[in-house]
Amino acid sequence: MSLKIPAPAFLALCCSLWAGEYTTIDCPGATYTSAASINTAGQIVGSCTVAGITQGFLRQPNGDFQTFTADNSATSNGVDINESGVVVGMYLDASGKPQAFLVTDGSVTTF
């Protein structure tokens, strides 16, 4: 026996399972903001484009933003954050080759 659920009923059931609180985040001055990861403290990491430069960001639970770029790259992306608030990310170097960086207490370290 097969059970067929009409599409509107399926959508209502499906979407009600994902209901919850949503907060819109927008990096100050950015034309584009994309979140990549969140830790249990509520810190969010991602990337945003400000004045044509893609940079990583760290958003604190109170809404404060810190942006960062690696080696003055035109493209830096925050990728993940651990429970201690250390951010890992990637950037493109001058030749377009992907590289990695860490952000600890506001200091960017490339490797």
PDB file of N, CA and C in Angstrom:
ATOM      1  N   MET A   1       0.847  -1.173   0.000  1.00  0.00           N
ATOM      2  CA  MET A   1       0.000   0.000   0.000  1.00  0.00           C
ATOM      3  C   MET A   1       0.892   1.235   0.000  1.00  0.00           C
ATOM      4  N   SER A   2       0.503   2.188  -0.789  1.00  0.00           N
ATOM      5  CA  SER A   2       1.254   3.429  -0.904  1.00  0.00           C
ATOM      6  C   SER A   2       0.390   4.576  -0.425  1.00  0.00           C
ATOM      7  N   LEU A   3       1.007   5.499   0.268  1.00  0.00           N
ATOM      8  CA  LEU A   3       0.288   6.667   0.773  1.00  0.00           C
ATOM      9  C   LEU A   3       0.693   7.867  -0.051  1.00  0.00           C
ATOM     10  N   LYS A   4      -0.266   8.534  -0.624  1.00  0.00           N
ATOM     11  CA  LYS A   4       0.023   9.737  -1.405  1.00  0.00           C
ATOM     12  C   LYS A   4      -0.447  10.951  -0.615  1.00  0.00           C
ATOM     13  N   ILE A   5       0.482  11.880  -0.434  1.00  0.00           N
ATOM     14  CA  ILE A   5       0.159  13.115   0.280  1.00  0.00           C
ATOM     15  C   ILE A   5       0.147  14.233  -0.745  1.00  0.00           C
ATOM     16  N   PRO A   6      -0.961  14.990  -0.814  1.00  0.00           N
ATOM     17  CA  PRO A   6      -0.999  16.105  -1.764  1.00  0.00           C
ATOM     18  C   PRO A   6       0.158  17.066  -1.505  1.00  0.00           C
ATOM     19  N   ALA A   7       0.686  17.653  -2.558  1.00  0.00           N
ATOM     20  CA  ALA A   7       1.855  18.539  -2.459  1.00  0.00           C
ATOM     21  C   ALA A   7       1.700  19.636  -1.411  1.00  0.00           C
ATOM     22  N   PRO A   8       0.568  20.387  -1.362  1.00  0.00           N
ATOM     23  CA  PRO A   8       0.461  21.442  -0.337  1.00  0.00           C
ATOM     24  C   PRO A   8       0.542  20.881   1.084  1.00  0.00           C
ATOM     25  N   ALA A   9      -0.041  19.721   1.324  1.00  0.00           N
ATOM     26  CA  ALA A   9       0.021  19.124   2.659  1.00  0.00           C
ATOM     27  C   ALA A   9       1.442  18.695   2.982  1.00  0.00           C
ATOM     28  N   PHE A  10       2.137  18.134   1.988  1.00  0.00           N
ATOM     29  CA  PHE A  10       3.522  17.729   2.186  1.00  0.00           C
ATOM     30  C   PHE A  10       4.393  18.933   2.530  1.00  0.00           C
ATOM     31  N   LEU A  11       4.217  20.030   1.794  1.00  0.00           N
ATOM     32  CA  LEU A  11       5.008  21.235   2.048  1.00  0.00           C
ATOM     33  C   LEU A  11       4.738  21.794   3.438  1.00  0.00           C
ATOM     34  N   ALA A  12       3.485  21.781   3.852  1.00  0.00           N
ATOM     35  CA  ALA A  12       3.146  22.291   5.178  1.00  0.00           C
ATOM     36  C   ALA A  12       3.800  21.424   6.259  1.00  0.00           C
ATOM     37  N   LEU A  13       3.759  20.106   6.095  1.00  0.00           N
ATOM     38  CA  LEU A  13       4.377  19.202   7.050  1.00  0.00           C
ATOM     39  C   LEU A  13       5.892  19.371   7.036  1.00  0.00           C
ATOM     40  N   CYS A  14       6.457  19.372   5.852  1.00  0.00           N
ATOM     41  CA  CYS A  14       7.901  19.496   5.682  1.00  0.00           C
ATOM     42  C   CYS A  14       8.416  20.780   6.311  1.00  0.00           C
ATOM     43  N   CYS A  15       7.807  21.879   5.981  1.00  0.00           N
ATOM     44  CA  CYS A  15       8.312  23.180   6.443  1.00  0.00           C
ATOM     45  C   CYS A  15       8.064  23.408   7.921  1.00  0.00           C
ATOM     46  N   SER A  16       7.012  22.820   8.480  1.00  0.00           N
ATOM     47  CA  SER A  16       6.770  22.994   9.907  1.00  0.00           C
ATOM     48  C   SER A  16       7.843  22.299  10.733  1.00  0.00           C
ATOM     49  N   LEU A  17       8.486  21.272  10.167  1.00  0.00           N
ATOM     50  CA  LEU A  17       9.573  20.602  10.870  1.00  0.00           C
ATOM     51  C   LEU A  17      10.801  21.490  10.969  1.00  0.00           C
ATOM     52  N   TRP A  18      10.945  22.469  10.079  1.00  0.00           N
ATOM     53  CA  TRP A  18      12.101  23.356  10.065  1.00  0.00           C
ATOM     54  C   TRP A  18      11.800  24.703  10.720  1.00  0.00           C
ATOM     55  N   ALA A  19      10.648  24.846  11.318  1.00  0.00           N
ATOM     56  CA  ALA A  19      10.274  26.119  11.922  1.00  0.00           C
ATOM     57  C   ALA A  19      11.227  26.439  13.069  1.00  0.00           C
ATOM     58  N   GLY A  20      11.452  27.700  13.311  1.00  0.00           N
ATOM     59  CA  GLY A  20      12.330  28.119  14.394  1.00  0.00           C
ATOM     60  C   GLY A  20      12.602  29.599  14.300  1.00  0.00           C
ATOM     61  N   GLU A  21      13.567  30.057  15.058  1.00  0.00           N
ATOM     62  CA  GLU A  21      13.939  31.464  15.030  1.00  0.00           C
ATOM     63  C   GLU A  21      14.943  31.718  13.926  1.00  0.00           C
ATOM     64  N   TYR A  22      14.797  32.828  13.249  1.00  0.00           N
ATOM     65  CA  TYR A  22      15.710  33.224  12.195  1.00  0.00           C
ATOM     66  C   TYR A  22      16.174  34.647  12.454  1.00  0.00           C
ATOM     67  N   THR A  23      17.446  34.875  12.249  1.00  0.00           N
ATOM     68  CA  THR A  23      18.017  36.202  12.369  1.00  0.00           C
ATOM     69  C   THR A  23      18.715  36.532  11.061  1.00  0.00           C
ATOM     70  N   THR A  24      18.371  37.656  10.486  1.00  0.00           N
ATOM     71  CA  THR A  24      19.051  38.102   9.275  1.00  0.00           C
ATOM     72  C   THR A  24      20.355  38.762   9.683  1.00  0.00           C
ATOM     73  N   ILE A  25      21.437  38.343   9.042  1.00  0.00           N
ATOM     74  CA  ILE A  25      22.721  38.982   9.329  1.00  0.00           C
ATOM     75  C   ILE A  25      23.196  39.692   8.078  1.00  0.00           C
ATOM     76  N   ASP A  26      23.801  40.836   8.274  1.00  0.00           N
ATOM     77  CA  ASP A  26      24.272  41.640   7.161  1.00  0.00           C
ATOM     78  C   ASP A  26      25.535  42.355   7.599  1.00  0.00           C
ATOM     79  N   CYS A  27      26.640  41.979   7.004  1.00  0.00           N
ATOM     80  CA  CYS A  27      27.926  42.592   7.295  1.00  0.00           C
ATOM     81  C   CYS A  27      27.828  44.090   6.969  1.00  0.00           C
ATOM     82  N   PRO A  28      28.227  44.980   7.869  1.00  0.00           N
ATOM     83  CA  PRO A  28      28.099  46.415   7.626  1.00  0.00           C
ATOM     84  C   PRO A  28      28.755  46.855   6.313  1.00  0.00           C
ATOM     85  N   GLY A  29      27.998  47.558   5.480  1.00  0.00           N
ATOM     86  CA  GLY A  29      28.498  48.081   4.217  1.00  0.00           C
ATOM     87  C   GLY A  29      28.603  47.060   3.099  1.00  0.00           C
ATOM     88  N   ALA A  30      28.179  45.839   3.350  1.00  0.00           N
ATOM     89  CA  ALA A  30      28.347  44.769   2.361  1.00  0.00           C
ATOM     90  C   ALA A  30      27.227  44.756   1.328  1.00  0.00           C
ATOM     91  N   THR A  31      27.601  44.349   0.126  1.00  0.00           N
ATOM     92  CA  THR A  31      26.605  44.110  -0.928  1.00  0.00           C
ATOM     93  C   THR A  31      26.227  42.638  -0.961  1.00  0.00           C
ATOM     94  N   TYR A  32      26.999  41.801  -0.250  1.00  0.00           N
ATOM     95  CA  TYR A  32      26.756  40.359  -0.207  1.00  0.00           C
ATOM     96  C   TYR A  32      27.288  39.828   1.114  1.00  0.00           C
ATOM     97  N   THR A  33      26.505  39.000   1.801  1.00  0.00           N
ATOM     98  CA  THR A  33      26.928  38.362   3.049  1.00  0.00           C
ATOM     99  C   THR A  33      26.524  36.899   3.002  1.00  0.00           C
ATOM    100  N   SER A  34      27.458  36.014   3.352  1.00  0.00           N
ATOM    101  CA  SER A  34      27.185  34.579   3.353  1.00  0.00           C
ATOM    102  C   SER A  34      27.759  33.955   4.617  1.00  0.00           C
ATOM    103  N   ALA A  35      26.902  33.332   5.422  1.00  0.00           N
ATOM    104  CA  ALA A  35      27.359  32.653   6.634  1.00  0.00           C
ATOM    105  C   ALA A  35      27.810  31.239   6.281  1.00  0.00           C
ATOM    106  N   ALA A  36      28.873  30.770   6.956  1.00  0.00           N
ATOM    107  CA  ALA A  36      29.393  29.433   6.675  1.00  0.00           C
ATOM    108  C   ALA A  36      29.285  28.493   7.867  1.00  0.00           C
ATOM    109  N   SER A  37      29.431  29.021   9.098  1.00  0.00           N
ATOM    110  CA  SER A  37      29.453  28.139  10.259  1.00  0.00           C
ATOM    111  C   SER A  37      29.079  28.925  11.514  1.00  0.00           C
ATOM    112  N   ILE A  38      28.603  28.196  12.516  1.00  0.00           N
ATOM    113  CA  ILE A  38      28.264  28.783  13.813  1.00  0.00           C
ATOM    114  C   ILE A  38      28.722  27.819  14.889  1.00  0.00           C
ATOM    115  N   ASN A  39      29.217  28.343  16.008  1.00  0.00           N
ATOM    116  CA  ASN A  39      29.584  27.476  17.130  1.00  0.00           C
ATOM    117  C   ASN A  39      28.497  27.549  18.198  1.00  0.00           C
ATOM    118  N   THR A  40      28.645  26.767  19.269  1.00  0.00           N
ATOM    119  CA  THR A  40      27.594  26.713  20.289  1.00  0.00           C
ATOM    120  C   THR A  40      27.477  28.004  21.081  1.00  0.00           C
ATOM    121  N   ALA A  41      28.500  28.868  21.030  1.00  0.00           N
ATOM    122  CA  ALA A  41      28.429  30.173  21.691  1.00  0.00           C
ATOM    123  C   ALA A  41      27.606  31.170  20.877  1.00  0.00           C
ATOM    124  N   GLY A  42      27.273  30.801  19.623  1.00  0.00           N
ATOM    125  CA  GLY A  42      26.501  31.691  18.764  1.00  0.00           C
ATOM    126  C   GLY A  42      27.353  32.586  17.890  1.00  0.00           C
ATOM    127  N   GLN A  43      28.659  32.359  17.849  1.00  0.00           N
ATOM    128  CA  GLN A  43      29.540  33.118  16.961  1.00  0.00           C
ATOM    129  C   GLN A  43      29.385  32.559  15.545  1.00  0.00           C
ATOM    130  N   ILE A  44      29.238  33.459  14.578  1.00  0.00           N
ATOM    131  CA  ILE A  44      29.021  33.066  13.190  1.00  0.00           C
ATOM    132  C   ILE A  44      30.189  33.555  12.353  1.00  0.00           C
ATOM    133  N   VAL A  45      30.642  32.703  11.444  1.00  0.00           N
ATOM    134  CA  VAL A  45      31.737  33.054  10.550  1.00  0.00           C
ATOM    135  C   VAL A  45      31.261  32.878   9.109  1.00  0.00           C
ATOM    136  N   GLY A  46      31.828  33.701   8.222  1.00  0.00           N
ATOM    137  CA  GLY A  46      31.463  33.609   6.814  1.00  0.00           C
ATOM    138  C   GLY A  46      32.251  34.608   6.010  1.00  0.00           C
ATOM    139  N   SER A  47      31.650  35.077   4.927  1.00  0.00           N
ATOM    140  CA  SER A  47      32.317  36.066   4.085  1.00  0.00           C
ATOM    141  C   SER A  47      31.316  37.106   3.614  1.00  0.00           C
ATOM    142  N   CYS A  48      31.841  38.271   3.284  1.00  0.00           N
ATOM    143  CA  CYS A  48      31.004  39.353   2.776  1.00  0.00           C
ATOM    144  C   CYS A  48      31.822  40.185   1.794  1.00  0.00           C
ATOM    145  N   THR A  49      31.127  40.869   0.917  1.00  0.00           N
ATOM    146  CA  THR A  49      31.795  41.708  -0.070  1.00  0.00           C
ATOM    147  C   THR A  49      31.514  43.169   0.258  1.00  0.00           C
ATOM    148  N   VAL A  50      32.581  43.912   0.531  1.00  0.00           N
ATOM    149  CA  VAL A  50      32.496  45.335   0.851  1.00  0.00           C
ATOM    150  C   VAL A  50      33.420  46.068  -0.119  1.00  0.00           C
ATOM    151  N   ALA A  51      32.882  47.039  -0.834  1.00  0.00           N
ATOM    152  CA  ALA A  51      33.661  47.830  -1.802  1.00  0.00           C
ATOM    153  C   ALA A  51      34.397  46.927  -2.799  1.00  0.00           C
ATOM    154  N   GLY A  52      33.747  45.857  -3.214  1.00  0.00           N
ATOM    155  CA  GLY A  52      34.310  44.955  -4.212  1.00  0.00           C
ATOM    156  C   GLY A  52      35.338  43.971  -3.692  1.00  0.00           C
ATOM    157  N   ILE A  53      35.592  43.979  -2.390  1.00  0.00           N
ATOM    158  CA  ILE A  53      36.575  43.061  -1.793  1.00  0.00           C
ATOM    159  C   ILE A  53      35.843  42.047  -0.929  1.00  0.00           C
ATOM    160  N   THR A  54      36.066  40.759  -1.223  1.00  0.00           N
ATOM    161  CA  THR A  54      35.472  39.697  -0.410  1.00  0.00           C
ATOM    162  C   THR A  54      36.384  39.442   0.776  1.00  0.00           C
ATOM    163  N   GLN A  55      35.802  39.543   1.963  1.00  0.00           N
ATOM    164  CA  GLN A  55      36.561  39.380   3.192  1.00  0.00           C
ATOM    165  C   GLN A  55      35.810  38.452   4.130  1.00  0.00           C
ATOM    166  N   GLY A  56      36.540  37.861   5.045  1.00  0.00           N
ATOM    167  CA  GLY A  56      35.905  37.022   6.049  1.00  0.00           C
ATOM    168  C   GLY A  56      35.297  37.879   7.135  1.00  0.00           C
ATOM    169  N   PHE A  57      34.357  37.298   7.869  1.00  0.00           N
ATOM    170  CA  PHE A  57      33.797  38.007   9.021  1.00  0.00           C
ATOM    171  C   PHE A  57      33.563  37.048  10.170  1.00  0.00           C
ATOM    172  N   LEU A  58      33.557  37.617  11.362  1.00  0.00           N
ATOM    173  CA  LEU A  58      33.161  36.935  12.582  1.00  0.00           C
ATOM    174  C   LEU A  58      32.088  37.799  13.227  1.00  0.00           C
ATOM    175  N   ARG A  59      30.899  37.229  13.401  1.00  0.00           N
ATOM    176  CA  ARG A  59      29.801  37.954  14.040  1.00  0.00           C
ATOM    177  C   ARG A  59      29.605  37.389  15.437  1.00  0.00           C
ATOM    178  N   GLN A  60      29.658  38.282  16.413  1.00  0.00           N
ATOM    179  CA  GLN A  60      29.449  37.889  17.802  1.00  0.00           C
ATOM    180  C   GLN A  60      27.949  37.763  18.085  1.00  0.00           C
ATOM    181  N   PRO A  61      27.574  37.028  19.130  1.00  0.00           N
ATOM    182  CA  PRO A  61      26.150  36.873  19.463  1.00  0.00           C
ATOM    183  C   PRO A  61      25.424  38.199  19.710  1.00  0.00           C
ATOM    184  N   ASN A  62      26.149  39.241  20.139  1.00  0.00           N
ATOM    185  CA  ASN A  62      25.516  40.542  20.382  1.00  0.00           C
ATOM    186  C   ASN A  62      25.354  41.364  19.103  1.00  0.00           C
ATOM    187  N   GLY A  63      25.808  40.813  17.947  1.00  0.00           N
ATOM    188  CA  GLY A  63      25.643  41.496  16.671  1.00  0.00           C
ATOM    189  C   GLY A  63      26.875  42.224  16.175  1.00  0.00           C
ATOM    190  N   ASP A  64      27.928  42.321  17.005  1.00  0.00           N
ATOM    191  CA  ASP A  64      29.161  42.980  16.567  1.00  0.00           C
ATOM    192  C   ASP A  64      29.844  42.174  15.470  1.00  0.00           C
ATOM    193  N   PHE A  65      30.369  42.863  14.465  1.00  0.00           N
ATOM    194  CA  PHE A  65      31.078  42.242  13.355  1.00  0.00           C
ATOM    195  C   PHE A  65      32.548  42.603  13.398  1.00  0.00           C
ATOM    196  N   GLN A  66      33.393  41.633  13.077  1.00  0.00           N
ATOM    197  CA  GLN A  66      34.820  41.864  12.842  1.00  0.00           C
ATOM    198  C   GLN A  66      35.086  41.294  11.453  1.00  0.00           C
ATOM    199  N   THR A  67      35.682  42.084  10.575  1.00  0.00           N
ATOM    200  CA  THR A  67      36.035  41.581   9.249  1.00  0.00           C
ATOM    201  C   THR A  67      37.544  41.406   9.174  1.00  0.00           C
ATOM    202  N   PHE A  68      37.994  40.534   8.282  1.00  0.00           N
ATOM    203  CA  PHE A  68      39.413  40.264   8.141  1.00  0.00           C
ATOM    204  C   PHE A  68      39.729  39.815   6.723  1.00  0.00           C
ATOM    205  N   THR A  69      40.944  40.123   6.301  1.00  0.00           N
ATOM    206  CA  THR A  69      41.466  39.643   5.020  1.00  0.00           C
ATOM    207  C   THR A  69      42.841  39.054   5.285  1.00  0.00           C
ATOM    208  N   ALA A  70      43.218  38.105   4.484  1.00  0.00           N
ATOM    209  CA  ALA A  70      44.528  37.477   4.613  1.00  0.00           C
ATOM    210  C   ALA A  70      45.463  38.053   3.562  1.00  0.00           C
ATOM    211  N   ASP A  71      46.632  38.494   3.998  1.00  0.00           N
ATOM    212  CA  ASP A  71      47.663  39.010   3.075  1.00  0.00           C
ATOM    213  C   ASP A  71      47.112  40.034   2.086  1.00  0.00           C
ATOM    214  N   ASN A  72      46.189  40.865   2.529  1.00  0.00           N
ATOM    215  CA  ASN A  72      45.560  41.878   1.669  1.00  0.00           C
ATOM    216  C   ASN A  72      44.964  41.275   0.397  1.00  0.00           C
ATOM    217  N   SER A  73      44.533  40.058   0.499  1.00  0.00           N
ATOM    218  CA  SER A  73      43.928  39.364  -0.632  1.00  0.00           C
ATOM    219  C   SER A  73      42.591  40.003  -0.988  1.00  0.00           C
ATOM    220  N   ALA A  74      42.222  39.916  -2.251  1.00  0.00           N
ATOM    221  CA  ALA A  74      40.915  40.415  -2.676  1.00  0.00           C
ATOM    222  C   ALA A  74      39.813  39.410  -2.368  1.00  0.00           C
ATOM    223  N   THR A  75      40.182  38.205  -1.971  1.00  0.00           N
ATOM    224  CA  THR A  75      39.189  37.177  -1.650  1.00  0.00           C
ATOM    225  C   THR A  75      39.634  36.401  -0.418  1.00  0.00           C
ATOM    226  N   SER A  76      38.978  36.652   0.711  1.00  0.00           N
ATOM    227  CA  SER A  76      39.220  35.891   1.942  1.00  0.00           C
ATOM    228  C   SER A  76      37.867  35.396   2.438  1.00  0.00           C
ATOM    229  N   ASN A  77      37.786  34.116   2.765  1.00  0.00           N
ATOM    230  CA  ASN A  77      36.519  33.521   3.198  1.00  0.00           C
ATOM    231  C   ASN A  77      36.677  32.825   4.532  1.00  0.00           C
ATOM    232  N   GLY A  78      35.874  33.222   5.524  1.00  0.00           N
ATOM    233  CA  GLY A  78      35.802  32.481   6.776  1.00  0.00           C
ATOM    234  C   GLY A  78      35.034  31.200   6.508  1.00  0.00           C
ATOM    235  N   VAL A  79      35.575  30.067   6.922  1.00  0.00           N
ATOM    236  CA  VAL A  79      34.967  28.778   6.596  1.00  0.00           C
ATOM    237  C   VAL A  79      34.368  28.088   7.814  1.00  0.00           C
ATOM    238  N   ASP A  80      35.087  28.099   8.945  1.00  0.00           N
ATOM    239  CA  ASP A  80      34.602  27.374  10.122  1.00  0.00           C
ATOM    240  C   ASP A  80      35.116  28.065  11.376  1.00  0.00           C
ATOM    241  N   ILE A  81      34.482  27.757  12.502  1.00  0.00           N
ATOM    242  CA  ILE A  81      34.876  28.325  13.792  1.00  0.00           C
ATOM    243  C   ILE A  81      34.758  27.242  14.847  1.00  0.00           C
ATOM    244  N   ASN A  82      35.754  27.168  15.738  1.00  0.00           N
ATOM    245  CA  ASN A  82      35.671  26.155  16.790  1.00  0.00           C
ATOM    246  C   ASN A  82      35.055  26.750  18.053  1.00  0.00           C
ATOM    247  N   GLU A  83      34.974  25.951  19.090  1.00  0.00           N
ATOM    248  CA  GLU A  83      34.336  26.390  20.336  1.00  0.00           C
ATOM    249  C   GLU A  83      35.137  27.464  21.059  1.00  0.00           C
ATOM    250  N   SER A  84      36.421  27.603  20.749  1.00  0.00           N
ATOM    251  CA  SER A  84      37.260  28.646  21.357  1.00  0.00           C
ATOM    252  C   SER A  84      37.207  29.949  20.575  1.00  0.00           C
ATOM    253  N   GLY A  85      36.469  29.971  19.453  1.00  0.00           N
ATOM    254  CA  GLY A  85      36.359  31.180  18.651  1.00  0.00           C
ATOM    255  C   GLY A  85      37.458  31.356  17.629  1.00  0.00           C
ATOM    256  N   VAL A  86      38.264  30.311  17.399  1.00  0.00           N
ATOM    257  CA  VAL A  86      39.317  30.378  16.386  1.00  0.00           C
ATOM    258  C   VAL A  86      38.682  30.082  15.026  1.00  0.00           C
ATOM    259  N   VAL A  87      38.945  30.986  14.071  1.00  0.00           N
ATOM    260  CA  VAL A  87      38.365  30.886  12.730  1.00  0.00           C
ATOM    261  C   VAL A  87      39.396  30.295  11.784  1.00  0.00           C
ATOM    262  N   VAL A  88      38.968  29.394  10.924  1.00  0.00           N
ATOM    263  CA  VAL A  88      39.806  28.889   9.849  1.00  0.00           C
ATOM    264  C   VAL A  88      39.160  29.340   8.540  1.00  0.00           C
ATOM    265  N   GLY A  89      39.995  29.676   7.577  1.00  0.00           N
ATOM    266  CA  GLY A  89      39.456  30.149   6.315  1.00  0.00           C
ATOM    267  C   GLY A  89      40.406  29.902   5.171  1.00  0.00           C
ATOM    268  N   MET A  90      40.002  30.382   3.999  1.00  0.00           N
ATOM    269  CA  MET A  90      40.843  30.255   2.814  1.00  0.00           C
ATOM    270  C   MET A  90      40.825  31.558   2.056  1.00  0.00           C
ATOM    271  N   TYR A  91      41.928  31.767   1.318  1.00  0.00           N
ATOM    272  CA  TYR A  91      42.034  32.957   0.484  1.00  0.00           C
ATOM    273  C   TYR A  91      42.774  32.592  -0.781  1.00  0.00           C
ATOM    274  N   LEU A  92      42.699  33.456  -1.772  1.00  0.00           N
ATOM    275  CA  LEU A  92      43.443  33.269  -3.008  1.00  0.00           C
ATOM    276  C   LEU A  92      44.639  34.198  -2.986  1.00  0.00           C
ATOM    277  N   ASP A  93      45.828  33.631  -3.219  1.00  0.00           N
ATOM    278  CA  ASP A  93      47.024  34.472  -3.241  1.00  0.00           C
ATOM    279  C   ASP A  93      47.110  35.220  -4.575  1.00  0.00           C
ATOM    280  N   ALA A  94      48.183  35.976  -4.762  1.00  0.00           N
ATOM    281  CA  ALA A  94      48.325  36.817  -5.960  1.00  0.00           C
ATOM    282  C   ALA A  94      48.270  36.026  -7.258  1.00  0.00           C
ATOM    283  N   SER A  95      48.666  34.759  -7.218  1.00  0.00           N
ATOM    284  CA  SER A  95      48.627  33.935  -8.432  1.00  0.00           C
ATOM    285  C   SER A  95      47.303  33.194  -8.584  1.00  0.00           C
ATOM    286  N   GLY A  96      46.379  33.394  -7.633  1.00  0.00           N
ATOM    287  CA  GLY A  96      45.079  32.728  -7.693  1.00  0.00           C
ATOM    288  C   GLY A  96      45.063  31.358  -7.041  1.00  0.00           C
ATOM    289  N   LYS A  97      46.171  31.001  -6.364  1.00  0.00           N
ATOM    290  CA  LYS A  97      46.271  29.704  -5.702  1.00  0.00           C
ATOM    291  C   LYS A  97      45.601  29.766  -4.325  1.00  0.00           C
ATOM    292  N   PRO A  98      44.743  28.785  -3.990  1.00  0.00           N
ATOM    293  CA  PRO A  98      44.101  28.770  -2.667  1.00  0.00           C
ATOM    294  C   PRO A  98      45.116  28.557  -1.546  1.00  0.00           C
ATOM    295  N   GLN A  99      44.967  29.315  -0.480  1.00  0.00           N
ATOM    296  CA  GLN A  99      45.803  29.214   0.715  1.00  0.00           C
ATOM    297  C   GLN A  99      44.881  29.196   1.934  1.00  0.00           C
ATOM    298  N   ALA A 100      45.430  28.871   3.100  1.00  0.00           N
ATOM    299  CA  ALA A 100      44.631  28.805   4.323  1.00  0.00           C
ATOM    300  C   ALA A 100      45.104  29.838   5.340  1.00  0.00           C
ATOM    301  N   PHE A 101      44.213  30.185   6.270  1.00  0.00           N
ATOM    302  CA  PHE A 101      44.579  31.090   7.358  1.00  0.00           C
ATOM    303  C   PHE A 101      43.779  30.755   8.603  1.00  0.00           C
ATOM    304  N   LEU A 102      44.266  31.241   9.739  1.00  0.00           N
ATOM    305  CA  LEU A 102      43.580  31.177  11.032  1.00  0.00           C
ATOM    306  C   LEU A 102      43.410  32.596  11.542  1.00  0.00           C
ATOM    307  N   VAL A 103      42.320  32.833  12.251  1.00  0.00           N
ATOM    308  CA  VAL A 103      42.122  34.108  12.942  1.00  0.00           C
ATOM    309  C   VAL A 103      41.943  33.773  14.415  1.00  0.00           C
ATOM    310  N   THR A 104      42.895  34.252  15.236  1.00  0.00           N
ATOM    311  CA  THR A 104      42.840  34.033  16.674  1.00  0.00           C
ATOM    312  C   THR A 104      42.933  35.391  17.354  1.00  0.00           C
ATOM    313  N   ASP A 105      41.919  35.717  18.145  1.00  0.00           N
ATOM    314  CA  ASP A 105      41.894  37.007  18.849  1.00  0.00           C
ATOM    315  C   ASP A 105      42.150  38.180  17.897  1.00  0.00           C
ATOM    316  N   GLY A 106      41.602  38.125  16.686  1.00  0.00           N
ATOM    317  CA  GLY A 106      41.721  39.210  15.728  1.00  0.00           C
ATOM    318  C   GLY A 106      42.983  39.198  14.879  1.00  0.00           C
ATOM    319  N   SER A 107      43.913  38.296  15.188  1.00  0.00           N
ATOM    320  CA  SER A 107      45.165  38.223  14.444  1.00  0.00           C
ATOM    321  C   SER A 107      45.078  37.136  13.377  1.00  0.00           C
ATOM    322  N   VAL A 108      45.407  37.516  12.115  1.00  0.00           N
ATOM    323  CA  VAL A 108      45.359  36.592  10.984  1.00  0.00           C
ATOM    324  C   VAL A 108      46.729  35.957  10.789  1.00  0.00           C
ATOM    325  N   THR A 109      46.767  34.627  10.748  1.00  0.00           N
ATOM    326  CA  THR A 109      47.987  33.879  10.487  1.00  0.00           C
ATOM    327  C   THR A 109      47.768  33.031   9.252  1.00  0.00           C
ATOM    328  N   THR A 110      48.608  33.211   8.243  1.00  0.00           N
ATOM    329  CA  THR A 110      48.480  32.422   7.013  1.00  0.00           C
ATOM    330  C   THR A 110      49.441  31.239   7.059  1.00  0.00           C
ATOM    331  N   PHE A 111      49.079  30.191   6.338  1.00  0.00           N
ATOM    332  CA  PHE A 111      49.969  29.039   6.231  1.00  0.00           C
ATOM    333  C   PHE A 111      49.667  28.276   4.963  1.00  0.00           C
TER     334      PHE A 111
END
